[in-house]
Amino acid sequence: MRSSLIASILVAFCLSACNKKSLSDRLPSITTSGIKTFGCILDGNIPYSVAGNPVYNGGGWNISCYTCLTARFDQGALRIQTLDCPANTYEFNIVVGGTVIHPGTYNLAQVTLDSTGNIVSNYLTMRYVNDQGTDFWYQTDSLHTGQLVILRASDSIYSGTFTAQLILPGTNKLFSITSGRFDVKLN
């Protein structure tokens, strides 16, 4: 009787473990068709994703709040930006310096501007807002870097994957980003 009870518990445990999705399974698929998706794993245990065009949700930011994923050229660079709302907890900016972007691997490091104010480097920033409403801006820099792989850069569509180790400037607080992926079309 005791052995059958243990066997039943083991079977129930195995079945429940088999039904759990991995964190990566909770992210959008890696695609290259411009369907406006973005996702990554934050600090090894938080799946984060946004999708689609800006959607008004009201409230937040003291005026209005949008859940959005945008891509545009700004200051001589490709800028991919996300904002989740109404949670308003995370905002991401992936920036690739230069007006001509090709498929390939790009290092993400420190923000660098040329003499005219155009961005000439590749970097990633993440804004985190805690429960008390305090902003924390994590970023890549010369010591805490990342990697961006552009899979598609054609017909106004930019798709790829990314990982990064971010730091909160002035502190030793680190934040890791893994399994990152995006598939955007220029706005």
Protein backbone atom coordinates (compact mmCIF):
# COMPACT_ATOMS: atom_id res chain seq x y z
CA MET A 1 0.00 0.00 0.00
CA ARG A 2 2.76 2.40 0.94
CA SER A 3 4.68 1.70 -2.29
CA SER A 4 1.56 2.33 -4.40
CA LEU A 5 1.05 5.67 -2.63
CA ILE A 6 4.67 6.66 -3.36
CA ALA A 7 4.29 5.52 -6.97
CA SER A 8 1.09 7.61 -7.33
CA ILE A 9 2.82 10.67 -5.92
CA LEU A 10 5.77 10.21 -8.30
CA VAL A 11 3.46 9.82 -11.31
CA ALA A 12 1.50 12.95 -10.32
CA PHE A 13 4.74 14.90 -9.89
CA CYS A 14 6.09 13.77 -13.27
CA LEU A 15 2.83 14.64 -15.05
CA SER A 16 2.70 18.11 -13.50
CA ALA A 17 6.35 18.73 -14.42
CA CYS A 18 5.71 17.63 -18.02
CA ASN A 19 2.86 20.12 -18.42
CA LYS A 20 4.86 23.17 -17.34
CA LYS A 21 6.02 25.46 -20.12
CA SER A 22 9.60 26.64 -20.15
CA LEU A 23 10.19 30.38 -19.94
CA SER A 24 11.21 30.49 -23.61
CA ASP A 25 7.92 28.82 -24.56
CA ARG A 26 6.13 31.83 -23.04
CA LEU A 27 7.83 34.21 -25.50
CA PRO A 28 6.83 34.96 -29.10
CA SER A 29 8.45 32.74 -31.71
CA ILE A 30 11.54 33.92 -33.56
CA THR A 31 10.09 35.18 -36.86
CA THR A 32 11.25 37.41 -39.71
CA SER A 33 8.03 38.67 -41.30
CA GLY A 34 7.53 42.03 -39.52
CA ILE A 35 4.65 40.87 -37.30
CA LYS A 36 5.63 43.27 -34.46
CA THR A 37 6.70 40.99 -31.63
CA PHE A 38 9.31 41.41 -28.90
CA GLY A 39 10.25 39.14 -26.03
CA CYS A 40 13.05 38.14 -23.67
CA ILE A 41 13.78 36.51 -20.32
CA LEU A 42 14.61 39.01 -17.57
CA ASP A 43 17.09 38.02 -14.86
CA GLY A 44 16.64 34.34 -15.68
CA ASN A 45 13.07 34.04 -14.42
CA ILE A 46 10.72 36.72 -15.82
CA PRO A 47 9.27 36.23 -19.32
CA TYR A 48 8.56 39.62 -20.94
CA SER A 49 6.81 40.26 -24.24
CA VAL A 50 4.84 42.89 -26.10
CA ALA A 51 3.26 42.71 -29.53
CA GLY A 52 1.40 44.78 -32.05
CA ASN A 53 0.77 48.44 -32.72
CA PRO A 54 0.36 51.04 -29.97
CA VAL A 55 -2.81 50.35 -27.99
CA TYR A 56 -4.30 53.05 -25.75
CA ASN A 57 -4.98 51.74 -22.25
CA GLY A 58 -5.64 55.02 -20.41
CA GLY A 59 -3.96 56.06 -17.16
CA GLY A 60 -0.23 55.83 -16.39
CA TRP A 61 2.53 58.28 -17.30
CA ASN A 62 0.26 60.87 -15.60
CA ILE A 63 -1.46 61.46 -18.96
CA SER A 64 -2.09 58.34 -20.98
CA CYS A 65 -0.61 54.91 -21.37
CA TYR A 66 0.21 52.76 -24.36
CA THR A 67 1.36 49.21 -24.81
CA CYS A 68 3.55 49.41 -27.82
CA LEU A 69 6.40 48.16 -29.89
CA THR A 70 7.87 50.68 -32.31
CA ALA A 71 10.76 50.75 -34.76
CA ARG A 72 12.11 53.89 -36.41
CA PHE A 73 15.27 55.64 -37.54
CA ASP A 74 16.15 58.43 -35.14
CA GLN A 75 19.43 60.34 -34.58
CA GLY A 76 21.09 58.33 -37.34
CA ALA A 77 20.24 54.96 -35.78
CA LEU A 78 17.67 52.18 -35.82
CA ARG A 79 15.68 52.36 -32.57
CA ILE A 80 13.44 49.52 -31.40
CA GLN A 81 11.39 50.53 -28.37
CA THR A 82 8.85 48.78 -26.15
CA LEU A 83 6.56 49.91 -23.36
CA ASP A 84 4.24 47.68 -21.38
CA CYS A 85 1.14 49.16 -19.90
CA PRO A 86 -0.91 49.41 -17.74
CA ALA A 87 1.76 47.68 -15.64
CA ASN A 88 4.24 50.35 -16.83
CA THR A 89 7.01 48.23 -15.35
CA TYR A 90 9.54 47.82 -18.18
CA GLU A 91 10.64 49.84 -21.19
CA PHE A 92 13.34 48.71 -23.63
CA ASN A 93 15.41 50.57 -26.21
CA ILE A 94 17.64 48.65 -28.59
CA VAL A 95 19.69 51.04 -30.71
CA VAL A 96 21.87 50.18 -33.71
CA GLY A 97 24.01 53.09 -34.92
CA GLY A 98 24.00 53.84 -38.62
CA THR A 99 21.37 54.32 -41.28
CA VAL A 100 22.27 51.17 -43.22
CA ILE A 101 21.71 48.00 -41.19
CA HIS A 102 22.55 44.55 -42.60
CA PRO A 103 21.99 41.03 -41.27
CA GLY A 104 24.86 40.10 -38.97
CA THR A 105 26.14 40.29 -35.41
CA TYR A 106 26.41 43.59 -33.55
CA ASN A 107 28.00 44.18 -30.14
CA LEU A 108 25.91 46.17 -27.68
CA ALA A 109 28.01 48.45 -25.47
CA GLN A 110 28.23 52.11 -24.50
CA VAL A 111 26.26 54.99 -26.05
CA THR A 112 28.50 57.04 -28.38
CA LEU A 113 27.46 60.15 -30.32
CA ASP A 114 29.31 61.88 -33.15
CA SER A 115 29.92 65.65 -33.26
CA THR A 116 26.47 66.24 -34.81
CA GLY A 117 24.62 64.28 -32.10
CA ASN A 118 23.99 61.19 -34.20
CA ILE A 119 24.32 57.80 -32.54
CA VAL A 120 27.32 55.85 -33.82
CA SER A 121 27.29 52.89 -31.42
CA ASN A 122 24.98 49.99 -30.58
CA TYR A 123 23.45 49.74 -27.11
CA LEU A 124 20.50 48.57 -25.04
CA THR A 125 18.72 50.34 -22.18
CA MET A 126 15.99 49.03 -19.91
CA ARG A 127 13.79 51.15 -17.68
CA TYR A 128 12.33 49.40 -14.65
CA VAL A 129 9.72 50.99 -12.38
CA ASN A 130 9.31 49.44 -8.92
CA ASP A 131 6.13 49.26 -6.83
CA GLN A 132 6.83 52.69 -5.33
CA GLY A 133 7.04 54.29 -8.79
CA THR A 134 10.83 54.79 -8.74
CA ASP A 135 12.58 54.63 -12.16
CA PHE A 136 15.76 52.62 -12.63
CA TRP A 137 17.58 52.87 -16.00
CA TYR A 138 19.83 49.87 -16.65
CA GLN A 139 22.13 49.92 -19.69
CA THR A 140 24.96 48.28 -21.53
CA ASP A 141 28.34 49.98 -21.22
CA SER A 142 31.98 49.24 -22.02
CA LEU A 143 32.17 46.47 -19.35
CA HIS A 144 28.58 45.18 -19.40
CA THR A 145 27.80 44.29 -22.97
CA GLY A 146 25.46 42.32 -25.13
CA GLN A 147 25.06 40.84 -28.56
CA LEU A 148 22.43 41.53 -31.20
CA VAL A 149 22.01 39.30 -34.24
CA ILE A 150 20.06 40.87 -37.10
CA LEU A 151 18.38 38.04 -39.05
CA ARG A 152 16.50 40.25 -41.51
CA ALA A 153 16.99 43.85 -42.60
CA SER A 154 14.91 44.39 -45.73
CA ASP A 155 11.59 45.85 -46.91
CA SER A 156 11.41 47.98 -43.71
CA ILE A 157 11.45 44.78 -41.62
CA TYR A 158 14.06 44.22 -38.91
CA SER A 159 14.18 40.90 -37.05
CA GLY A 160 16.71 39.33 -34.76
CA THR A 161 17.81 37.98 -31.41
CA PHE A 162 19.71 39.51 -28.48
CA THR A 163 21.28 38.92 -25.07
CA ALA A 164 22.82 41.44 -22.69
CA GLN A 165 24.23 42.07 -19.25
CA LEU A 166 23.03 45.48 -18.03
CA ILE A 167 24.20 47.63 -15.13
CA LEU A 168 22.48 50.34 -13.14
CA PRO A 169 24.96 53.24 -13.52
CA GLY A 170 26.62 54.31 -10.28
CA THR A 171 25.92 50.95 -8.63
CA ASN A 172 27.00 47.33 -8.94
CA LYS A 173 23.42 46.14 -9.64
CA LEU A 174 23.35 43.90 -12.70
CA PHE A 175 20.44 42.68 -14.78
CA SER A 176 20.64 39.88 -17.36
CA ILE A 177 18.59 39.55 -20.52
CA THR A 178 18.50 36.23 -22.37
CA SER A 179 16.50 34.61 -25.18
CA GLY A 180 15.69 38.03 -26.64
CA ARG A 181 13.90 38.23 -29.98
CA PHE A 182 12.14 40.88 -32.03
CA ASP A 183 10.37 41.13 -35.37
CA VAL A 184 9.38 44.69 -36.28
CA LYS A 185 8.38 46.80 -39.24
CA LEU A 186 9.34 50.47 -39.39
CA ASN A 187 6.52 52.77 -38.29
